[in-house]
């Protein structure tokens, strides 16, 4: 009986690990963004440079920077706006004040749904890559390291 239980636990562990390695933008993250984020970050949203030039105007229109394609989204994971996805979607468990990012609330209608979707995005980015650091140091927060950047997965 112990062997069967151990075999089932190991099988479940490796199934979850295999599933995590198969999370892709096309199958998982793109559809999630289309459902939860496109009204503000879709095809009619400004590109990052345009958004930064007139941020107040776009915020008044309830538009954030465009993230409706893989190429646009990875700007906010890797570079030039390093860690923005992580800072904005984080549930507060990675912050010194415990405060969630300003976009966490939009990951779902319930905390259970938000946690499920957050975990999906974390797995896509890479659990070890979920860092809130920016490209350059800011205040007491150091710049992201090359080692941390190397952990980013973001499979297409």
N, C-alpha and C. Protein backbone atom coordinates (compact mmCIF):
# COMPACT_ATOMS: atom_id res chain seq x y z
N UNK A 1 0.83 -1.20 0.00
CA UNK A 1 0.00 0.00 0.00
C UNK A 1 0.88 1.27 0.00
N UNK A 2 1.96 1.22 0.78
CA UNK A 2 2.86 2.36 0.84
C UNK A 2 3.49 2.63 -0.53
N UNK A 3 3.83 1.58 -1.25
CA UNK A 3 4.42 1.74 -2.59
C UNK A 3 3.43 2.38 -3.55
N UNK A 4 2.19 1.96 -3.47
CA UNK A 4 1.15 2.51 -4.35
C UNK A 4 0.95 4.00 -4.04
N UNK A 5 0.86 4.33 -2.75
CA UNK A 5 0.68 5.73 -2.35
C UNK A 5 1.87 6.58 -2.82
N UNK A 6 3.08 6.08 -2.60
CA UNK A 6 4.28 6.78 -3.03
C UNK A 6 4.30 6.96 -4.55
N UNK A 7 3.94 5.90 -5.27
CA UNK A 7 3.90 5.97 -6.73
C UNK A 7 2.89 7.02 -7.20
N UNK A 8 1.73 7.07 -6.56
CA UNK A 8 0.71 8.06 -6.92
C UNK A 8 1.18 9.48 -6.63
N UNK A 9 1.81 9.68 -5.48
CA UNK A 9 2.32 11.00 -5.14
C UNK A 9 3.40 11.45 -6.10
N UNK A 10 4.32 10.57 -6.42
CA UNK A 10 5.38 10.91 -7.38
C UNK A 10 4.80 11.20 -8.76
N UNK A 11 3.83 10.40 -9.17
CA UNK A 11 3.17 10.62 -10.46
C UNK A 11 2.47 11.96 -10.51
N UNK A 12 1.78 12.31 -9.43
CA UNK A 12 1.10 13.60 -9.37
C UNK A 12 2.10 14.75 -9.41
N UNK A 13 3.22 14.60 -8.67
CA UNK A 13 4.25 15.64 -8.66
C UNK A 13 4.80 15.87 -10.06
N UNK A 14 5.15 14.81 -10.74
CA UNK A 14 5.75 14.96 -12.07
C UNK A 14 4.72 15.42 -13.09
N UNK A 15 3.45 15.10 -12.90
CA UNK A 15 2.41 15.59 -13.80
C UNK A 15 2.26 17.10 -13.66
N UNK A 16 2.28 17.61 -12.42
CA UNK A 16 2.18 19.04 -12.18
C UNK A 16 3.41 19.74 -12.76
N UNK A 17 4.59 19.16 -12.53
CA UNK A 17 5.82 19.75 -13.05
C UNK A 17 5.80 19.78 -14.58
N UNK A 18 5.32 18.72 -15.20
CA UNK A 18 5.25 18.67 -16.66
C UNK A 18 4.24 19.70 -17.17
N UNK A 19 3.11 19.84 -16.48
CA UNK A 19 2.11 20.82 -16.87
C UNK A 19 2.70 22.22 -16.80
N UNK A 20 3.43 22.51 -15.72
CA UNK A 20 4.02 23.84 -15.56
C UNK A 20 4.98 24.16 -16.70
N UNK A 21 5.74 23.16 -17.15
CA UNK A 21 6.69 23.38 -18.24
C UNK A 21 5.99 23.60 -19.58
N UNK A 22 4.72 23.26 -19.68
CA UNK A 22 3.99 23.38 -20.93
C UNK A 22 3.10 24.61 -20.99
N UNK A 23 3.21 25.49 -20.02
CA UNK A 23 2.42 26.72 -20.05
C UNK A 23 3.04 27.65 -21.09
N UNK A 24 2.20 28.05 -22.04
CA UNK A 24 2.68 28.92 -23.11
C UNK A 24 1.80 30.16 -23.23
N UNK A 25 2.35 31.14 -23.90
CA UNK A 25 1.57 32.35 -24.19
C UNK A 25 0.36 31.99 -25.05
N UNK A 26 0.58 31.22 -26.11
CA UNK A 26 -0.50 30.91 -27.06
C UNK A 26 -1.66 30.18 -26.40
N UNK A 27 -1.36 29.17 -25.59
CA UNK A 27 -2.42 28.33 -25.03
C UNK A 27 -3.02 28.88 -23.74
N UNK A 28 -2.24 29.58 -22.94
CA UNK A 28 -2.70 29.93 -21.60
C UNK A 28 -2.73 31.44 -21.32
N UNK A 29 -1.62 32.10 -21.54
CA UNK A 29 -1.49 33.49 -21.11
C UNK A 29 -2.23 34.44 -22.04
N UNK A 30 -2.11 34.24 -23.35
CA UNK A 30 -2.84 35.08 -24.31
C UNK A 30 -4.34 35.06 -24.06
N UNK A 31 -4.94 33.87 -23.95
CA UNK A 31 -6.39 33.83 -23.66
C UNK A 31 -6.76 34.47 -22.31
N UNK A 32 -5.91 34.29 -21.31
CA UNK A 32 -6.17 34.92 -20.01
C UNK A 32 -6.15 36.44 -20.14
N UNK A 33 -5.15 36.96 -20.85
CA UNK A 33 -5.07 38.41 -21.05
C UNK A 33 -6.25 38.93 -21.87
N UNK A 34 -6.64 38.17 -22.88
CA UNK A 34 -7.78 38.58 -23.70
C UNK A 34 -9.05 38.69 -22.85
N UNK A 35 -9.19 37.77 -21.91
CA UNK A 35 -10.38 37.76 -21.05
C UNK A 35 -10.34 38.82 -19.96
N UNK A 36 -9.19 38.97 -19.32
CA UNK A 36 -9.11 39.80 -18.11
C UNK A 36 -8.52 41.19 -18.32
N UNK A 37 -7.72 41.38 -19.37
CA UNK A 37 -6.92 42.60 -19.46
C UNK A 37 -7.15 43.43 -20.73
N UNK A 38 -7.74 42.84 -21.76
CA UNK A 38 -7.80 43.49 -23.08
C UNK A 38 -8.59 44.79 -23.10
N UNK A 39 -9.54 44.96 -22.21
CA UNK A 39 -10.32 46.20 -22.26
C UNK A 39 -9.44 47.43 -22.00
N UNK A 40 -8.37 47.27 -21.25
CA UNK A 40 -7.46 48.39 -20.99
C UNK A 40 -6.11 48.24 -21.70
N UNK A 41 -5.70 47.01 -21.99
CA UNK A 41 -4.37 46.75 -22.53
C UNK A 41 -4.42 46.06 -23.90
N UNK A 42 -5.54 46.19 -24.60
CA UNK A 42 -5.73 45.50 -25.87
C UNK A 42 -5.18 46.24 -27.07
N UNK A 43 -5.65 45.87 -28.25
CA UNK A 43 -5.14 46.40 -29.51
C UNK A 43 -5.37 47.91 -29.66
N UNK A 44 -6.35 48.45 -28.96
CA UNK A 44 -6.59 49.89 -29.05
C UNK A 44 -5.84 50.69 -27.98
N UNK A 45 -5.02 50.02 -27.19
CA UNK A 45 -4.20 50.69 -26.18
C UNK A 45 -2.91 51.19 -26.83
N UNK A 46 -2.30 52.20 -26.25
CA UNK A 46 -1.06 52.75 -26.83
C UNK A 46 0.14 51.84 -26.57
N UNK A 47 1.10 51.92 -27.47
CA UNK A 47 2.37 51.23 -27.24
C UNK A 47 3.09 51.91 -26.07
N UNK A 48 4.04 51.22 -25.47
CA UNK A 48 4.71 51.70 -24.27
C UNK A 48 5.26 53.12 -24.42
N UNK A 49 5.97 53.40 -25.49
CA UNK A 49 6.53 54.74 -25.67
C UNK A 49 5.47 55.82 -25.73
N UNK A 50 4.39 55.56 -26.46
CA UNK A 50 3.29 56.53 -26.55
C UNK A 50 2.61 56.70 -25.20
N UNK A 51 2.42 55.60 -24.48
CA UNK A 51 1.81 55.66 -23.15
C UNK A 51 2.64 56.54 -22.22
N UNK A 52 3.94 56.33 -22.22
CA UNK A 52 4.81 57.10 -21.32
C UNK A 52 4.84 58.58 -21.68
N UNK A 53 4.67 58.92 -22.96
CA UNK A 53 4.67 60.32 -23.38
C UNK A 53 3.46 61.09 -22.86
N UNK A 54 2.31 60.42 -22.75
CA UNK A 54 1.08 61.10 -22.31
C UNK A 54 0.29 60.19 -21.37
N UNK A 55 0.94 59.78 -20.30
CA UNK A 55 0.37 58.83 -19.35
C UNK A 55 -0.97 59.30 -18.77
N UNK A 56 -1.06 60.56 -18.37
CA UNK A 56 -2.29 61.08 -17.76
C UNK A 56 -3.47 61.00 -18.73
N UNK A 57 -3.23 61.32 -19.98
CA UNK A 57 -4.29 61.26 -20.99
C UNK A 57 -4.83 59.83 -21.12
N UNK A 58 -3.92 58.86 -21.25
CA UNK A 58 -4.35 57.47 -21.42
C UNK A 58 -4.99 56.90 -20.16
N UNK A 59 -4.47 57.27 -19.00
CA UNK A 59 -5.09 56.81 -17.75
C UNK A 59 -6.50 57.35 -17.61
N UNK A 60 -6.72 58.59 -18.04
CA UNK A 60 -8.06 59.18 -18.00
C UNK A 60 -9.01 58.42 -18.92
N UNK A 61 -8.46 57.84 -19.98
CA UNK A 61 -9.25 57.04 -20.92
C UNK A 61 -9.36 55.57 -20.47
N UNK A 62 -8.80 55.27 -19.28
CA UNK A 62 -8.74 53.91 -18.74
C UNK A 62 -7.97 52.97 -19.68
N UNK A 63 -6.89 53.48 -20.20
CA UNK A 63 -6.02 52.69 -21.08
C UNK A 63 -4.64 52.62 -20.46
N UNK A 64 -4.12 51.41 -20.42
CA UNK A 64 -2.73 51.21 -20.01
C UNK A 64 -1.94 50.89 -21.25
N UNK A 65 -0.67 50.61 -21.10
CA UNK A 65 0.13 50.27 -22.27
C UNK A 65 -0.33 48.95 -22.90
N UNK A 66 -0.15 48.87 -24.19
CA UNK A 66 -0.60 47.71 -24.97
C UNK A 66 0.16 46.44 -24.57
N UNK A 67 -0.61 45.35 -24.39
CA UNK A 67 -0.04 44.06 -24.01
C UNK A 67 -0.77 42.91 -24.69
N UNK A 68 -1.34 43.15 -25.83
CA UNK A 68 -2.19 42.14 -26.46
C UNK A 68 -1.43 41.15 -27.34
N UNK A 69 -0.13 41.31 -27.47
CA UNK A 69 0.66 40.35 -28.23
C UNK A 69 1.81 39.88 -27.34
N UNK A 70 2.36 38.75 -27.69
CA UNK A 70 3.52 38.22 -26.97
C UNK A 70 4.65 39.24 -26.96
N UNK A 71 4.95 39.80 -28.12
CA UNK A 71 6.06 40.76 -28.24
C UNK A 71 5.84 41.98 -27.33
N UNK A 72 4.61 42.46 -27.25
CA UNK A 72 4.32 43.60 -26.39
C UNK A 72 4.39 43.21 -24.91
N UNK A 73 3.90 42.05 -24.57
CA UNK A 73 3.85 41.63 -23.17
C UNK A 73 5.23 41.41 -22.57
N UNK A 74 6.13 40.82 -23.31
CA UNK A 74 7.44 40.52 -22.71
C UNK A 74 8.26 41.78 -22.41
N UNK A 75 7.85 42.93 -22.94
CA UNK A 75 8.47 44.20 -22.54
C UNK A 75 8.35 44.39 -21.03
N UNK A 76 7.25 43.91 -20.46
CA UNK A 76 6.90 44.16 -19.06
C UNK A 76 7.33 43.03 -18.14
N UNK A 77 7.95 42.02 -18.71
CA UNK A 77 8.54 40.94 -17.93
C UNK A 77 10.05 41.13 -17.91
N UNK A 78 10.65 41.20 -19.11
CA UNK A 78 12.10 41.25 -19.23
C UNK A 78 12.69 42.64 -19.36
N UNK A 79 12.39 43.30 -20.47
CA UNK A 79 12.97 44.61 -20.74
C UNK A 79 12.19 45.29 -21.85
N UNK A 80 11.94 46.55 -21.82
CA UNK A 80 12.54 47.62 -21.05
C UNK A 80 11.86 47.92 -19.71
N UNK A 81 10.65 47.48 -19.49
CA UNK A 81 9.95 47.76 -18.22
C UNK A 81 10.03 46.53 -17.32
N UNK A 82 11.25 46.13 -17.04
CA UNK A 82 11.56 44.91 -16.30
C UNK A 82 10.72 44.77 -15.03
N UNK A 83 10.08 43.60 -14.88
CA UNK A 83 9.35 43.27 -13.67
C UNK A 83 8.00 43.92 -13.52
N UNK A 84 7.55 44.72 -14.50
CA UNK A 84 6.27 45.42 -14.35
C UNK A 84 5.11 44.44 -14.20
N UNK A 85 5.10 43.37 -14.98
CA UNK A 85 4.03 42.37 -14.86
C UNK A 85 4.02 41.81 -13.44
N UNK A 86 5.18 41.48 -12.92
CA UNK A 86 5.27 40.91 -11.60
C UNK A 86 4.82 41.90 -10.52
N UNK A 87 5.28 43.16 -10.62
CA UNK A 87 4.88 44.17 -9.63
C UNK A 87 3.39 44.43 -9.67
N UNK A 88 2.84 44.52 -10.86
CA UNK A 88 1.42 44.88 -11.00
C UNK A 88 0.47 43.75 -10.64
N UNK A 89 0.87 42.51 -10.91
CA UNK A 89 -0.01 41.37 -10.65
C UNK A 89 0.23 40.69 -9.30
N UNK A 90 1.31 41.01 -8.63
CA UNK A 90 1.65 40.33 -7.39
C UNK A 90 0.54 40.49 -6.35
N UNK A 91 0.36 39.44 -5.55
CA UNK A 91 -0.69 39.44 -4.53
C UNK A 91 -0.26 40.08 -3.21
N UNK A 92 0.94 40.62 -3.16
CA UNK A 92 1.45 41.27 -1.95
C UNK A 92 2.35 40.38 -1.13
N UNK A 93 2.46 39.11 -1.49
CA UNK A 93 3.30 38.19 -0.72
C UNK A 93 4.78 38.43 -0.98
N UNK A 94 5.11 39.21 -1.98
CA UNK A 94 6.51 39.50 -2.31
C UNK A 94 6.88 40.95 -2.07
N UNK A 95 6.02 41.67 -1.36
CA UNK A 95 6.30 43.09 -1.08
C UNK A 95 6.55 43.29 0.41
N UNK A 96 7.31 44.31 0.75
CA UNK A 96 7.61 44.57 2.16
C UNK A 96 6.38 45.02 2.94
N UNK A 97 5.44 45.68 2.26
CA UNK A 97 4.24 46.15 2.95
C UNK A 97 3.04 45.21 2.81
N UNK A 98 3.20 44.14 2.05
CA UNK A 98 2.11 43.16 1.89
C UNK A 98 0.99 43.63 0.99
N UNK A 99 1.20 44.76 0.32
CA UNK A 99 0.16 45.34 -0.54
C UNK A 99 0.22 44.72 -1.93
N UNK A 100 -0.91 44.23 -2.45
CA UNK A 100 -0.92 43.67 -3.80
C UNK A 100 -0.69 44.74 -4.87
N UNK A 101 -0.23 44.30 -6.02
CA UNK A 101 -0.07 45.20 -7.15
C UNK A 101 -1.41 45.75 -7.60
N UNK A 102 -1.40 46.86 -8.30
CA UNK A 102 -2.64 47.54 -8.67
C UNK A 102 -3.47 46.79 -9.72
N UNK A 103 -2.92 45.76 -10.34
CA UNK A 103 -3.68 44.99 -11.32
C UNK A 103 -4.10 43.61 -10.80
N UNK A 104 -3.69 43.26 -9.60
CA UNK A 104 -4.03 41.96 -9.02
C UNK A 104 -5.54 41.75 -8.98
N UNK A 105 -6.27 42.80 -8.61
CA UNK A 105 -7.73 42.69 -8.48
C UNK A 105 -8.42 42.25 -9.77
N UNK A 106 -7.80 42.52 -10.92
CA UNK A 106 -8.42 42.22 -12.20
C UNK A 106 -8.17 40.78 -12.67
N UNK A 107 -7.42 40.01 -11.89
CA UNK A 107 -7.15 38.62 -12.27
C UNK A 107 -8.34 37.70 -12.05
N UNK A 108 -9.36 38.18 -11.38
CA UNK A 108 -10.54 37.34 -11.17
C UNK A 108 -11.55 37.99 -10.26
N UNK A 109 -12.75 37.41 -10.25
CA UNK A 109 -13.84 37.95 -9.44
C UNK A 109 -13.72 37.54 -7.98
N UNK A 110 -13.05 36.42 -7.71
CA UNK A 110 -12.89 35.93 -6.35
C UNK A 110 -11.40 35.77 -6.06
N UNK A 111 -11.07 35.70 -4.77
CA UNK A 111 -9.66 35.52 -4.43
C UNK A 111 -9.16 34.18 -4.96
N UNK A 112 -10.01 33.18 -4.95
CA UNK A 112 -9.63 31.86 -5.48
C UNK A 112 -9.27 31.95 -6.97
N UNK A 113 -10.08 32.65 -7.74
CA UNK A 113 -9.82 32.81 -9.17
C UNK A 113 -8.56 33.66 -9.40
N UNK A 114 -8.41 34.72 -8.60
CA UNK A 114 -7.21 35.56 -8.73
C UNK A 114 -5.95 34.74 -8.44
N UNK A 115 -5.97 33.93 -7.40
CA UNK A 115 -4.81 33.11 -7.06
C UNK A 115 -4.51 32.07 -8.14
N UNK A 116 -5.55 31.48 -8.69
CA UNK A 116 -5.37 30.49 -9.77
C UNK A 116 -4.71 31.15 -10.98
N UNK A 117 -5.21 32.30 -11.37
CA UNK A 117 -4.65 33.01 -12.53
C UNK A 117 -3.26 33.56 -12.25
N UNK A 118 -3.04 34.04 -11.03
CA UNK A 118 -1.71 34.51 -10.66
C UNK A 118 -0.70 33.37 -10.73
N UNK A 119 -1.07 32.22 -10.21
CA UNK A 119 -0.17 31.07 -10.25
C UNK A 119 0.14 30.64 -11.68
N UNK A 120 -0.84 30.75 -12.56
CA UNK A 120 -0.62 30.43 -13.96
C UNK A 120 0.43 31.38 -14.57
N UNK A 121 0.28 32.67 -14.31
CA UNK A 121 1.23 33.65 -14.83
C UNK A 121 2.61 33.43 -14.21
N UNK A 122 2.65 33.13 -12.92
CA UNK A 122 3.93 32.86 -12.25
C UNK A 122 4.64 31.66 -12.88
N UNK A 123 3.89 30.63 -13.16
CA UNK A 123 4.48 29.44 -13.78
C UNK A 123 5.00 29.77 -15.17
N UNK A 124 4.28 30.60 -15.89
CA UNK A 124 4.71 30.99 -17.24
C UNK A 124 6.01 31.80 -17.17
N UNK A 125 6.05 32.79 -16.28
CA UNK A 125 7.25 33.60 -16.13
C UNK A 125 8.40 32.73 -15.62
N UNK A 126 8.08 31.84 -14.70
CA UNK A 126 9.06 31.00 -14.02
C UNK A 126 9.00 31.33 -12.54
N UNK A 127 8.63 30.37 -11.72
CA UNK A 127 8.48 30.64 -10.28
C UNK A 127 9.74 31.28 -9.71
N UNK A 128 10.91 30.81 -10.10
CA UNK A 128 12.16 31.38 -9.60
C UNK A 128 12.46 32.74 -10.23
N UNK A 129 11.73 33.10 -11.28
CA UNK A 129 11.95 34.37 -11.97
C UNK A 129 10.98 35.44 -11.51
N UNK A 130 10.05 35.11 -10.64
CA UNK A 130 9.03 36.07 -10.19
C UNK A 130 9.70 37.08 -9.25
N UNK A 131 10.28 38.12 -9.83
CA UNK A 131 10.99 39.16 -9.10
C UNK A 131 10.33 40.51 -9.39
N UNK A 132 10.26 41.35 -8.38
CA UNK A 132 9.64 42.65 -8.55
C UNK A 132 10.66 43.74 -8.89
N UNK A 133 11.92 43.36 -9.04
CA UNK A 133 12.99 44.31 -9.33
C UNK A 133 12.83 44.90 -10.73
N UNK A 134 13.35 46.10 -10.85
CA UNK A 134 13.39 46.78 -12.15
C UNK A 134 14.76 46.58 -12.79
N UNK A 135 14.92 47.07 -14.02
CA UNK A 135 16.20 46.99 -14.72
C UNK A 135 17.27 47.75 -13.93
N UNK A 136 16.91 48.94 -13.45
CA UNK A 136 17.83 49.76 -12.66
C UNK A 136 17.33 49.84 -11.22
N UNK A 137 18.24 49.97 -10.29
CA UNK A 137 17.88 50.09 -8.87
C UNK A 137 16.95 51.28 -8.67
N UNK A 138 16.06 51.14 -7.71
CA UNK A 138 15.15 52.25 -7.38
C UNK A 138 14.95 52.24 -5.87
N UNK A 139 15.39 53.31 -5.23
CA UNK A 139 15.29 53.37 -3.76
C UNK A 139 16.09 52.25 -3.12
N UNK A 140 15.42 51.51 -2.23
CA UNK A 140 16.08 50.40 -1.53
C UNK A 140 16.04 49.10 -2.34
N UNK A 141 15.36 49.11 -3.47
CA UNK A 141 15.22 47.89 -4.28
C UNK A 141 16.34 47.84 -5.31
N UNK A 142 17.17 46.80 -5.24
CA UNK A 142 18.28 46.71 -6.20
C UNK A 142 17.78 46.37 -7.61
N UNK A 143 18.63 46.60 -8.57
CA UNK A 143 18.34 46.22 -9.95
C UNK A 143 18.27 44.70 -10.05
N UNK A 144 17.54 44.22 -11.02
CA UNK A 144 17.48 42.78 -11.25
C UNK A 144 18.86 42.29 -11.69
N UNK A 145 19.17 41.07 -11.34
CA UNK A 145 20.47 40.52 -11.70
C UNK A 145 20.38 39.71 -12.99
N UNK A 146 21.52 39.49 -13.60
CA UNK A 146 21.57 38.64 -14.79
C UNK A 146 21.09 37.24 -14.44
N UNK A 147 21.46 36.75 -13.28
CA UNK A 147 21.05 35.42 -12.85
C UNK A 147 19.52 35.32 -12.77
N UNK A 148 18.88 36.37 -12.25
CA UNK A 148 17.42 36.38 -12.19
C UNK A 148 16.80 36.47 -13.58
N UNK A 149 17.41 37.27 -14.45
CA UNK A 149 16.91 37.38 -15.83
C UNK A 149 17.01 36.03 -16.55
N UNK A 150 18.06 35.29 -16.28
CA UNK A 150 18.26 33.99 -16.92
C UNK A 150 17.19 32.97 -16.54
N UNK A 151 16.47 33.20 -15.43
CA UNK A 151 15.44 32.28 -14.96
C UNK A 151 14.09 32.48 -15.64
N UNK A 152 13.95 33.57 -16.38
CA UNK A 152 12.67 33.87 -17.04
C UNK A 152 12.41 32.85 -18.14
N UNK A 153 11.19 32.28 -18.15
CA UNK A 153 10.81 31.27 -19.16
C UNK A 153 10.02 31.88 -20.29
N UNK A 154 8.86 32.40 -20.03
CA UNK A 154 7.92 33.03 -20.97
C UNK A 154 7.84 32.34 -22.34
N UNK A 155 7.49 31.07 -22.32
CA UNK A 155 7.39 30.31 -23.59
C UNK A 155 6.28 30.86 -24.45
N UNK A 156 6.55 30.92 -25.75
CA UNK A 156 5.56 31.39 -26.69
C UNK A 156 4.53 30.28 -26.93
